Amino acid sequence: MPQIVYLPREELYPRYGYAQPSRQIAYVREDLPSCVKKFVTVHERYHLGDNAKWWFWREIRANIAGALKHPIGFMACVLMSLAPYRLKYYWQRIIGKTS
């Protein structure tokens, strides 16, 4: 049975969430606004059952799954993700310096 664990910002920064499919555990930051936390929870839960190999495709699919259930949370998450530290994190993922 998948488990969702809510953690302090310090334990997941710069991520909003993180999934470990092999353990069926998803971690979500507890400090997020409620609507964003709901979106991120669905997003990370989706990762627990996704078998796609390419990380970018996994993210697209998880974002769609979360956005369909929590569109306001998705939009708020997009706006929050425009912060410089988040943009740096995304860039590092794109160039392969972080997972």
PDB file of N, CA and C in Angstrom:
ATOM      1  N   MET A   1       0.849  -1.190   0.000  1.00  0.00           N
ATOM      2  CA  MET A   1       0.000   0.000   0.000  1.00  0.00           C
ATOM      3  C   MET A   1       0.888   1.245   0.000  1.00  0.00           C
ATOM      4  N   PRO A   2       0.697   2.172  -0.950  1.00  0.00           N
ATOM      5  CA  PRO A   2       1.511   3.393  -0.986  1.00  0.00           C
ATOM      6  C   PRO A   2       1.367   4.215   0.289  1.00  0.00           C
ATOM      7  N   GLN A   3       2.468   4.811   0.694  1.00  0.00           N
ATOM      8  CA  GLN A   3       2.493   5.629   1.901  1.00  0.00           C
ATOM      9  C   GLN A   3       2.932   7.046   1.527  1.00  0.00           C
ATOM     10  N   ILE A   4       2.251   8.038   2.080  1.00  0.00           N
ATOM     11  CA  ILE A   4       2.620   9.440   1.892  1.00  0.00           C
ATOM     12  C   ILE A   4       3.157   9.950   3.222  1.00  0.00           C
ATOM     13  N   VAL A   5       4.357  10.530   3.189  1.00  0.00           N
ATOM     14  CA  VAL A   5       4.993  11.064   4.390  1.00  0.00           C
ATOM     15  C   VAL A   5       5.209  12.562   4.176  1.00  0.00           C
ATOM     16  N   TYR A   6       4.731  13.358   5.112  1.00  0.00           N
ATOM     17  CA  TYR A   6       4.895  14.811   5.038  1.00  0.00           C
ATOM     18  C   TYR A   6       6.097  15.209   5.885  1.00  0.00           C
ATOM     19  N   LEU A   7       7.022  15.941   5.263  1.00  0.00           N
ATOM     20  CA  LEU A   7       8.282  16.297   5.912  1.00  0.00           C
ATOM     21  C   LEU A   7       8.494  17.809   5.903  1.00  0.00           C
ATOM     22  N   PRO A   8       9.341  18.296   6.823  1.00  0.00           N
ATOM     23  CA  PRO A   8       9.663  19.726   6.830  1.00  0.00           C
ATOM     24  C   PRO A   8      10.424  20.127   5.560  1.00  0.00           C
ATOM     25  N   ARG A   9      10.332  21.383   5.234  1.00  0.00           N
ATOM     26  CA  ARG A   9      10.997  21.943   4.054  1.00  0.00           C
ATOM     27  C   ARG A   9      12.478  21.563   4.000  1.00  0.00           C
ATOM     28  N   GLU A  10      13.147  21.648   5.121  1.00  0.00           N
ATOM     29  CA  GLU A  10      14.589  21.402   5.183  1.00  0.00           C
ATOM     30  C   GLU A  10      14.972  20.002   4.703  1.00  0.00           C
ATOM     31  N   GLU A  11      14.079  19.053   4.838  1.00  0.00           N
ATOM     32  CA  GLU A  11      14.406  17.673   4.472  1.00  0.00           C
ATOM     33  C   GLU A  11      14.204  17.369   2.991  1.00  0.00           C
ATOM     34  N   LEU A  12      13.481  18.225   2.274  1.00  0.00           N
ATOM     35  CA  LEU A  12      13.226  17.969   0.850  1.00  0.00           C
ATOM     36  C   LEU A  12      13.738  19.069  -0.076  1.00  0.00           C
ATOM     37  N   TYR A  13      14.077  20.215   0.461  1.00  0.00           N
ATOM     38  CA  TYR A  13      14.516  21.356  -0.342  1.00  0.00           C
ATOM     39  C   TYR A  13      15.607  20.934  -1.320  1.00  0.00           C
ATOM     40  N   PRO A  14      15.562  21.324  -2.571  1.00  0.00           N
ATOM     41  CA  PRO A  14      14.655  22.261  -3.214  1.00  0.00           C
ATOM     42  C   PRO A  14      13.387  21.611  -3.771  1.00  0.00           C
ATOM     43  N   ARG A  15      13.225  20.323  -3.530  1.00  0.00           N
ATOM     44  CA  ARG A  15      12.040  19.627  -4.052  1.00  0.00           C
ATOM     45  C   ARG A  15      10.791  19.999  -3.266  1.00  0.00           C
ATOM     46  N   TYR A  16       9.641  19.815  -3.922  1.00  0.00           N
ATOM     47  CA  TYR A  16       8.349  19.910  -3.238  1.00  0.00           C
ATOM     48  C   TYR A  16       7.908  18.521  -2.798  1.00  0.00           C
ATOM     49  N   GLY A  17       8.417  17.514  -3.474  1.00  0.00           N
ATOM     50  CA  GLY A  17       8.084  16.137  -3.149  1.00  0.00           C
ATOM     51  C   GLY A  17       9.087  15.205  -3.779  1.00  0.00           C
ATOM     52  N   TYR A  18       9.034  13.944  -3.369  1.00  0.00           N
ATOM     53  CA  TYR A  18       9.976  12.945  -3.866  1.00  0.00           C
ATOM     54  C   TYR A  18       9.335  11.574  -3.701  1.00  0.00           C
ATOM     55  N   ALA A  19       9.405  10.760  -4.744  1.00  0.00           N
ATOM     56  CA  ALA A  19       8.804   9.423  -4.690  1.00  0.00           C
ATOM     57  C   ALA A  19       9.883   8.351  -4.742  1.00  0.00           C
ATOM     58  N   GLN A  20       9.683   7.291  -3.985  1.00  0.00           N
ATOM     59  CA  GLN A  20      10.540   6.106  -4.020  1.00  0.00           C
ATOM     60  C   GLN A  20       9.663   4.916  -4.405  1.00  0.00           C
ATOM     61  N   PRO A  21       9.503   4.679  -5.714  1.00  0.00           N
ATOM     62  CA  PRO A  21       8.614   3.600  -6.168  1.00  0.00           C
ATOM     63  C   PRO A  21       8.978   2.226  -5.612  1.00  0.00           C
ATOM     64  N   SER A  22      10.270   1.938  -5.472  1.00  0.00           N
ATOM     65  CA  SER A  22      10.674   0.618  -4.977  1.00  0.00           C
ATOM     66  C   SER A  22      10.191   0.370  -3.552  1.00  0.00           C
ATOM     67  N   ARG A  23      10.030   1.430  -2.777  1.00  0.00           N
ATOM     68  CA  ARG A  23       9.549   1.311  -1.396  1.00  0.00           C
ATOM     69  C   ARG A  23       8.078   1.682  -1.260  1.00  0.00           C
ATOM     70  N   GLN A  24       7.488   2.203  -2.359  1.00  0.00           N
ATOM     71  CA  GLN A  24       6.095   2.662  -2.360  1.00  0.00           C
ATOM     72  C   GLN A  24       5.852   3.740  -1.301  1.00  0.00           C
ATOM     73  N   ILE A  25       6.818   4.682  -1.227  1.00  0.00           N
ATOM     74  CA  ILE A  25       6.717   5.815  -0.305  1.00  0.00           C
ATOM     75  C   ILE A  25       6.899   7.103  -1.100  1.00  0.00           C
ATOM     76  N   ALA A  26       6.035   8.072  -0.846  1.00  0.00           N
ATOM     77  CA  ALA A  26       6.171   9.405  -1.428  1.00  0.00           C
ATOM     78  C   ALA A  26       6.301  10.407  -0.296  1.00  0.00           C
ATOM     79  N   TYR A  27       7.224  11.324  -0.453  1.00  0.00           N
ATOM     80  CA  TYR A  27       7.459  12.372   0.529  1.00  0.00           C
ATOM     81  C   TYR A  27       6.977  13.698  -0.046  1.00  0.00           C
ATOM     82  N   VAL A  28       6.293  14.484   0.776  1.00  0.00           N
ATOM     83  CA  VAL A  28       5.749  15.777   0.354  1.00  0.00           C
ATOM     84  C   VAL A  28       6.073  16.800   1.434  1.00  0.00           C
ATOM     85  N   ARG A  29       6.457  18.000   1.001  1.00  0.00           N
ATOM     86  CA  ARG A  29       6.751  19.053   1.971  1.00  0.00           C
ATOM     87  C   ARG A  29       5.487  19.483   2.699  1.00  0.00           C
ATOM     88  N   GLU A  30       5.579  19.536   4.020  1.00  0.00           N
ATOM     89  CA  GLU A  30       4.423  19.890   4.840  1.00  0.00           C
ATOM     90  C   GLU A  30       4.152  21.392   4.871  1.00  0.00           C
ATOM     91  N   ASP A  31       5.107  22.214   4.437  1.00  0.00           N
ATOM     92  CA  ASP A  31       4.952  23.672   4.509  1.00  0.00           C
ATOM     93  C   ASP A  31       4.253  24.270   3.293  1.00  0.00           C
ATOM     94  N   LEU A  32       3.915  23.468   2.308  1.00  0.00           N
ATOM     95  CA  LEU A  32       3.286  23.981   1.093  1.00  0.00           C
ATOM     96  C   LEU A  32       1.857  24.439   1.375  1.00  0.00           C
ATOM     97  N   PRO A  33       1.374  25.426   0.611  1.00  0.00           N
ATOM     98  CA  PRO A  33      -0.042  25.797   0.737  1.00  0.00           C
ATOM     99  C   PRO A  33      -0.914  24.566   0.481  1.00  0.00           C
ATOM    100  N   SER A  34      -2.064  24.517   1.105  1.00  0.00           N
ATOM    101  CA  SER A  34      -2.935  23.341   1.043  1.00  0.00           C
ATOM    102  C   SER A  34      -3.221  22.872  -0.381  1.00  0.00           C
ATOM    103  N   CYS A  35      -3.576  23.798  -1.271  1.00  0.00           N
ATOM    104  CA  CYS A  35      -3.912  23.391  -2.642  1.00  0.00           C
ATOM    105  C   CYS A  35      -2.694  22.825  -3.366  1.00  0.00           C
ATOM    106  N   VAL A  36      -1.523  23.378  -3.101  1.00  0.00           N
ATOM    107  CA  VAL A  36      -0.292  22.881  -3.722  1.00  0.00           C
ATOM    108  C   VAL A  36       0.079  21.526  -3.132  1.00  0.00           C
ATOM    109  N   LYS A  37      -0.091  21.383  -1.833  1.00  0.00           N
ATOM    110  CA  LYS A  37       0.215  20.106  -1.180  1.00  0.00           C
ATOM    111  C   LYS A  37      -0.653  18.985  -1.746  1.00  0.00           C
ATOM    112  N   LYS A  38      -1.926  19.274  -2.006  1.00  0.00           N
ATOM    113  CA  LYS A  38      -2.818  18.268  -2.597  1.00  0.00           C
ATOM    114  C   LYS A  38      -2.344  17.886  -3.995  1.00  0.00           C
ATOM    115  N   PHE A  39      -1.977  18.891  -4.799  1.00  0.00           N
ATOM    116  CA  PHE A  39      -1.466  18.617  -6.140  1.00  0.00           C
ATOM    117  C   PHE A  39      -0.187  17.786  -6.076  1.00  0.00           C
ATOM    118  N   VAL A  40       0.763  18.203  -5.245  1.00  0.00           N
ATOM    119  CA  VAL A  40       2.049  17.500  -5.149  1.00  0.00           C
ATOM    120  C   VAL A  40       1.840  16.072  -4.648  1.00  0.00           C
ATOM    121  N   THR A  41       0.908  15.868  -3.738  1.00  0.00           N
ATOM    122  CA  THR A  41       0.626  14.520  -3.235  1.00  0.00           C
ATOM    123  C   THR A  41       0.156  13.611  -4.367  1.00  0.00           C
ATOM    124  N   VAL A  42      -0.767  14.085  -5.196  1.00  0.00           N
ATOM    125  CA  VAL A  42      -1.235  13.282  -6.337  1.00  0.00           C
ATOM    126  C   VAL A  42      -0.091  13.064  -7.322  1.00  0.00           C
ATOM    127  N   HIS A  43       0.684  14.100  -7.571  1.00  0.00           N
ATOM    128  CA  HIS A  43       1.839  14.025  -8.473  1.00  0.00           C
ATOM    129  C   HIS A  43       2.810  12.930  -8.011  1.00  0.00           C
ATOM    130  N   GLU A  44       3.188  12.960  -6.746  1.00  0.00           N
ATOM    131  CA  GLU A  44       4.148  11.980  -6.225  1.00  0.00           C
ATOM    132  C   GLU A  44       3.540  10.581  -6.152  1.00  0.00           C
ATOM    133  N   ARG A  45       2.270  10.494  -5.805  1.00  0.00           N
ATOM    134  CA  ARG A  45       1.600   9.185  -5.775  1.00  0.00           C
ATOM    135  C   ARG A  45       1.602   8.570  -7.178  1.00  0.00           C
ATOM    136  N   TYR A  46       1.408   9.402  -8.196  1.00  0.00           N
ATOM    137  CA  TYR A  46       1.441   8.905  -9.574  1.00  0.00           C
ATOM    138  C   TYR A  46       2.803   8.278  -9.889  1.00  0.00           C
ATOM    139  N   HIS A  47       3.868   8.920  -9.434  1.00  0.00           N
ATOM    140  CA  HIS A  47       5.215   8.389  -9.669  1.00  0.00           C
ATOM    141  C   HIS A  47       5.388   6.976  -9.107  1.00  0.00           C
ATOM    142  N   LEU A  48       4.683   6.661  -8.045  1.00  0.00           N
ATOM    143  CA  LEU A  48       4.851   5.342  -7.417  1.00  0.00           C
ATOM    144  C   LEU A  48       4.450   4.198  -8.337  1.00  0.00           C
ATOM    145  N   GLY A  49       3.567   4.466  -9.295  1.00  0.00           N
ATOM    146  CA  GLY A  49       3.136   3.413 -10.208  1.00  0.00           C
ATOM    147  C   GLY A  49       3.570   3.616 -11.647  1.00  0.00           C
ATOM    148  N   ASP A  50       4.342   4.661 -11.903  1.00  0.00           N
ATOM    149  CA  ASP A  50       4.753   4.980 -13.275  1.00  0.00           C
ATOM    150  C   ASP A  50       6.032   4.226 -13.630  1.00  0.00           C
ATOM    151  N   ASN A  51       6.027   3.572 -14.784  1.00  0.00           N
ATOM    152  CA  ASN A  51       7.194   2.801 -15.221  1.00  0.00           C
ATOM    153  C   ASN A  51       7.941   3.451 -16.382  1.00  0.00           C
ATOM    154  N   ALA A  52       7.592   4.682 -16.726  1.00  0.00           N
ATOM    155  CA  ALA A  52       8.290   5.375 -17.816  1.00  0.00           C
ATOM    156  C   ALA A  52       9.766   5.521 -17.456  1.00  0.00           C
ATOM    157  N   LYS A  53      10.627   5.401 -18.454  1.00  0.00           N
ATOM    158  CA  LYS A  53      12.080   5.458 -18.214  1.00  0.00           C
ATOM    159  C   LYS A  53      12.650   6.871 -18.271  1.00  0.00           C
ATOM    160  N   TRP A  54      12.141   7.699 -19.171  1.00  0.00           N
ATOM    161  CA  TRP A  54      12.677   9.046 -19.355  1.00  0.00           C
ATOM    162  C   TRP A  54      12.073   9.975 -18.302  1.00  0.00           C
ATOM    163  N   TRP A  55      12.892  10.622 -17.484  1.00  0.00           N
ATOM    164  CA  TRP A  55      12.414  11.431 -16.361  1.00  0.00           C
ATOM    165  C   TRP A  55      11.486  12.560 -16.818  1.00  0.00           C
ATOM    166  N   PHE A  56      11.777  13.160 -17.969  1.00  0.00           N
ATOM    167  CA  PHE A  56      10.946  14.272 -18.434  1.00  0.00           C
ATOM    168  C   PHE A  56       9.524  13.804 -18.722  1.00  0.00           C
ATOM    169  N   TRP A  57       9.380  12.639 -19.345  1.00  0.00           N
ATOM    170  CA  TRP A  57       8.064  12.066 -19.634  1.00  0.00           C
ATOM    171  C   TRP A  57       7.344  11.705 -18.328  1.00  0.00           C
ATOM    172  N   ARG A  58       8.076  11.175 -17.347  1.00  0.00           N
ATOM    173  CA  ARG A  58       7.469  10.863 -16.043  1.00  0.00           C
ATOM    174  C   ARG A  58       6.889  12.126 -15.412  1.00  0.00           C
ATOM    175  N   GLU A  59       7.637  13.232 -15.497  1.00  0.00           N
ATOM    176  CA  GLU A  59       7.168  14.488 -14.905  1.00  0.00           C
ATOM    177  C   GLU A  59       5.928  15.022 -15.617  1.00  0.00           C
ATOM    178  N   ILE A  60       5.916  14.939 -16.932  1.00  0.00           N
ATOM    179  CA  ILE A  60       4.741  15.392 -17.685  1.00  0.00           C
ATOM    180  C   ILE A  60       3.514  14.600 -17.262  1.00  0.00           C
ATOM    181  N   ARG A  61       3.642  13.276 -17.212  1.00  0.00           N
ATOM    182  CA  ARG A  61       2.507  12.427 -16.852  1.00  0.00           C
ATOM    183  C   ARG A  61       2.035  12.685 -15.421  1.00  0.00           C
ATOM    184  N   ALA A  62       2.971  12.826 -14.494  1.00  0.00           N
ATOM    185  CA  ALA A  62       2.600  13.084 -13.099  1.00  0.00           C
ATOM    186  C   ALA A  62       1.945  14.458 -12.956  1.00  0.00           C
ATOM    187  N   ASN A  63       2.433  15.440 -13.706  1.00  0.00           N
ATOM    188  CA  ASN A  63       1.813  16.771 -13.664  1.00  0.00           C
ATOM    189  C   ASN A  63       0.394  16.740 -14.202  1.00  0.00           C
ATOM    190  N   ILE A  64       0.174  16.008 -15.275  1.00  0.00           N
ATOM    191  CA  ILE A  64      -1.180  15.892 -15.825  1.00  0.00           C
ATOM    192  C   ILE A  64      -2.103  15.229 -14.809  1.00  0.00           C
ATOM    193  N   ALA A  65      -1.641  14.144 -14.196  1.00  0.00           N
ATOM    194  CA  ALA A  65      -2.461  13.434 -13.202  1.00  0.00           C
ATOM    195  C   ALA A  65      -2.847  14.367 -12.057  1.00  0.00           C
ATOM    196  N   GLY A  66      -1.877  15.118 -11.544  1.00  0.00           N
ATOM    197  CA  GLY A  66      -2.155  16.045 -10.450  1.00  0.00           C
ATOM    198  C   GLY A  66      -3.031  17.210 -10.869  1.00  0.00           C
ATOM    199  N   ALA A  67      -2.785  17.744 -12.070  1.00  0.00           N
ATOM    200  CA  ALA A  67      -3.546  18.902 -12.555  1.00  0.00           C
ATOM    201  C   ALA A  67      -5.009  18.557 -12.795  1.00  0.00           C
ATOM    202  N   LEU A  68      -5.274  17.343 -13.236  1.00  0.00           N
ATOM    203  CA  LEU A  68      -6.663  16.942 -13.464  1.00  0.00           C
ATOM    204  C   LEU A  68      -7.458  16.886 -12.161  1.00  0.00           C
ATOM    205  N   LYS A  69      -6.802  16.507 -11.079  1.00  0.00           N
ATOM    206  CA  LYS A  69      -7.490  16.411  -9.782  1.00  0.00           C
ATOM    207  C   LYS A  69      -7.463  17.725  -9.009  1.00  0.00           C
ATOM    208  N   HIS A  70      -6.392  18.483  -9.165  1.00  0.00           N
ATOM    209  CA  HIS A  70      -6.223  19.723  -8.389  1.00  0.00           C
ATOM    210  C   HIS A  70      -5.681  20.837  -9.287  1.00  0.00           C
ATOM    211  N   PRO A  71      -6.524  21.345 -10.199  1.00  0.00           N
ATOM    212  CA  PRO A  71      -6.039  22.361 -11.150  1.00  0.00           C
ATOM    213  C   PRO A  71      -5.561  23.656 -10.489  1.00  0.00           C
ATOM    214  N   ILE A  72      -6.210  24.078  -9.420  1.00  0.00           N
ATOM    215  CA  ILE A  72      -5.777  25.307  -8.733  1.00  0.00           C
ATOM    216  C   ILE A  72      -4.417  25.077  -8.079  1.00  0.00           C
ATOM    217  N   GLY A  73      -4.243  23.921  -7.461  1.00  0.00           N
ATOM    218  CA  GLY A  73      -2.953  23.576  -6.861  1.00  0.00           C
ATOM    219  C   GLY A  73      -1.849  23.506  -7.900  1.00  0.00           C
ATOM    220  N   PHE A  74      -2.178  22.979  -9.076  1.00  0.00           N
ATOM    221  CA  PHE A  74      -1.205  22.916 -10.168  1.00  0.00           C
ATOM    222  C   PHE A  74      -0.790  24.323 -10.587  1.00  0.00           C
ATOM    223  N   MET A  75      -1.773  25.202 -10.796  1.00  0.00           N
ATOM    224  CA  MET A  75      -1.454  26.570 -11.230  1.00  0.00           C
ATOM    225  C   MET A  75      -0.638  27.310 -10.168  1.00  0.00           C
ATOM    226  N   ALA A  76      -0.998  27.113  -8.901  1.00  0.00           N
ATOM    227  CA  ALA A  76      -0.241  27.750  -7.819  1.00  0.00           C
ATOM    228  C   ALA A  76       1.181  27.197  -7.770  1.00  0.00           C
ATOM    229  N   CYS A  77       1.319  25.906  -7.995  1.00  0.00           N
ATOM    230  CA  CYS A  77       2.639  25.270  -8.003  1.00  0.00           C
ATOM    231  C   CYS A  77       3.497  25.831  -9.137  1.00  0.00           C
ATOM    232  N   VAL A  78       2.896  26.024 -10.302  1.00  0.00           N
ATOM    233  CA  VAL A  78       3.624  26.611 -11.434  1.00  0.00           C
ATOM    234  C   VAL A  78       4.131  28.002 -11.058  1.00  0.00           C
ATOM    235  N   LEU A  79       3.275  28.810 -10.459  1.00  0.00           N
ATOM    236  CA  LEU A  79       3.688  30.163 -10.061  1.00  0.00           C
ATOM    237  C   LEU A  79       4.794  30.116  -9.008  1.00  0.00           C
ATOM    238  N   MET A  80       4.658  29.235  -8.032  1.00  0.00           N
ATOM    239  CA  MET A  80       5.692  29.097  -7.004  1.00  0.00           C
ATOM    240  C   MET A  80       7.015  28.630  -7.606  1.00  0.00           C
ATOM    241  N   SER A  81       6.931  27.866  -8.676  1.00  0.00           N
ATOM    242  CA  SER A  81       8.128  27.299  -9.302  1.00  0.00           C
ATOM    243  C   SER A  81       8.920  28.312 -10.116  1.00  0.00           C
ATOM    244  N   LEU A  82       8.435  29.539 -10.218  1.00  0.00           N
ATOM    245  CA  LEU A  82       9.172  30.584 -10.915  1.00  0.00           C
ATOM    246  C   LEU A  82      10.224  31.240 -10.023  1.00  0.00           C
ATOM    247  N   ALA A  83      10.300  30.819  -8.770  1.00  0.00           N
ATOM    248  CA  ALA A  83      11.321  31.339  -7.856  1.00  0.00           C
ATOM    249  C   ALA A  83      12.706  30.941  -8.384  1.00  0.00           C
ATOM    250  N   PRO A  84      13.698  31.824  -8.253  1.00  0.00           N
ATOM    251  CA  PRO A  84      15.032  31.528  -8.791  1.00  0.00           C
ATOM    252  C   PRO A  84      15.618  30.186  -8.340  1.00  0.00           C
ATOM    253  N   TYR A  85      15.456  29.809  -7.076  1.00  0.00           N
ATOM    254  CA  TYR A  85      16.029  28.540  -6.629  1.00  0.00           C
ATOM    255  C   TYR A  85      15.373  27.356  -7.321  1.00  0.00           C
ATOM    256  N   ARG A  86      14.076  27.475  -7.660  1.00  0.00           N
ATOM    257  CA  ARG A  86      13.386  26.394  -8.381  1.00  0.00           C
ATOM    258  C   ARG A  86      13.843  26.336  -9.831  1.00  0.00           C
ATOM    259  N   LEU A  87      13.982  27.495 -10.458  1.00  0.00           N
ATOM    260  CA  LEU A  87      14.451  27.524 -11.845  1.00  0.00           C
ATOM    261  C   LEU A  87      15.856  26.930 -11.947  1.00  0.00           C
ATOM    262  N   LYS A  88      16.698  27.234 -10.967  1.00  0.00           N
ATOM    263  CA  LYS A  88      18.049  26.649 -10.932  1.00  0.00           C
ATOM    264  C   LYS A  88      17.961  25.130 -10.786  1.00  0.00           C
ATOM    265  N   TYR A  89      17.086  24.655  -9.928  1.00  0.00           N
ATOM    266  CA  TYR A  89      16.900  23.215  -9.725  1.00  0.00           C
ATOM    267  C   TYR A  89      16.465  22.541 -11.026  1.00  0.00           C
ATOM    268  N   TYR A  90      15.493  23.138 -11.730  1.00  0.00           N
ATOM    269  CA  TYR A  90      15.032  22.561 -13.000  1.00  0.00           C
ATOM    270  C   TYR A  90      16.162  22.532 -14.021  1.00  0.00           C
ATOM    271  N   TRP A  91      16.935  23.625 -14.095  1.00  0.00           N
ATOM    272  CA  TRP A  91      18.038  23.679 -15.042  1.00  0.00           C
ATOM    273  C   TRP A  91      19.054  22.576 -14.737  1.00  0.00           C
ATOM    274  N   GLN A  92      19.360  22.369 -13.474  1.00  0.00           N
ATOM    275  CA  GLN A  92      20.307  21.315 -13.096  1.00  0.00           C
ATOM    276  C   GLN A  92      19.775  19.938 -13.479  1.00  0.00           C
ATOM    277  N   ARG A  93      18.483  19.738 -13.373  1.00  0.00           N
ATOM    278  CA  ARG A  93      17.894  18.461 -13.802  1.00  0.00           C
ATOM    279  C   ARG A  93      18.021  18.289 -15.306  1.00  0.00           C
ATOM    280  N   ILE A  94      17.762  19.364 -16.041  1.00  0.00           N
ATOM    281  CA  ILE A  94      17.819  19.291 -17.504  1.00  0.00           C
ATOM    282  C   ILE A  94      19.229  18.947 -17.983  1.00  0.00           C
ATOM    283  N   ILE A  95      20.239  19.550 -17.368  1.00  0.00           N
ATOM    284  CA  ILE A  95      21.607  19.276 -17.811  1.00  0.00           C
ATOM    285  C   ILE A  95      22.211  18.050 -17.130  1.00  0.00           C
ATOM    286  N   GLY A  96      21.427  17.399 -16.279  1.00  0.00           N
ATOM    287  CA  GLY A  96      21.847  16.130 -15.689  1.00  0.00           C
ATOM    288  C   GLY A  96      22.729  16.216 -14.466  1.00  0.00           C
ATOM    289  N   LYS A  97      22.701  17.328 -13.750  1.00  0.00           N
ATOM    290  CA  LYS A  97      23.530  17.470 -12.553  1.00  0.00           C
ATOM    291  C   LYS A  97      22.816  17.091 -11.268  1.00  0.00           C
ATOM    292  N   THR A  98      21.546  16.762 -11.347  1.00  0.00           N
ATOM    293  CA  THR A  98      20.794  16.310 -10.176  1.00  0.00           C
ATOM    294  C   THR A  98      19.664  15.410 -10.655  1.00  0.00           C
ATOM    295  N   SER A  99      19.129  14.600  -9.740  1.00  0.00           N
ATOM    296  CA  SER A  99      18.031  13.697 -10.128  1.00  0.00           C
ATOM    297  C   SER A  99      16.718  14.174  -9.557  1.00  0.00           C
TER     298      SER A  99
END
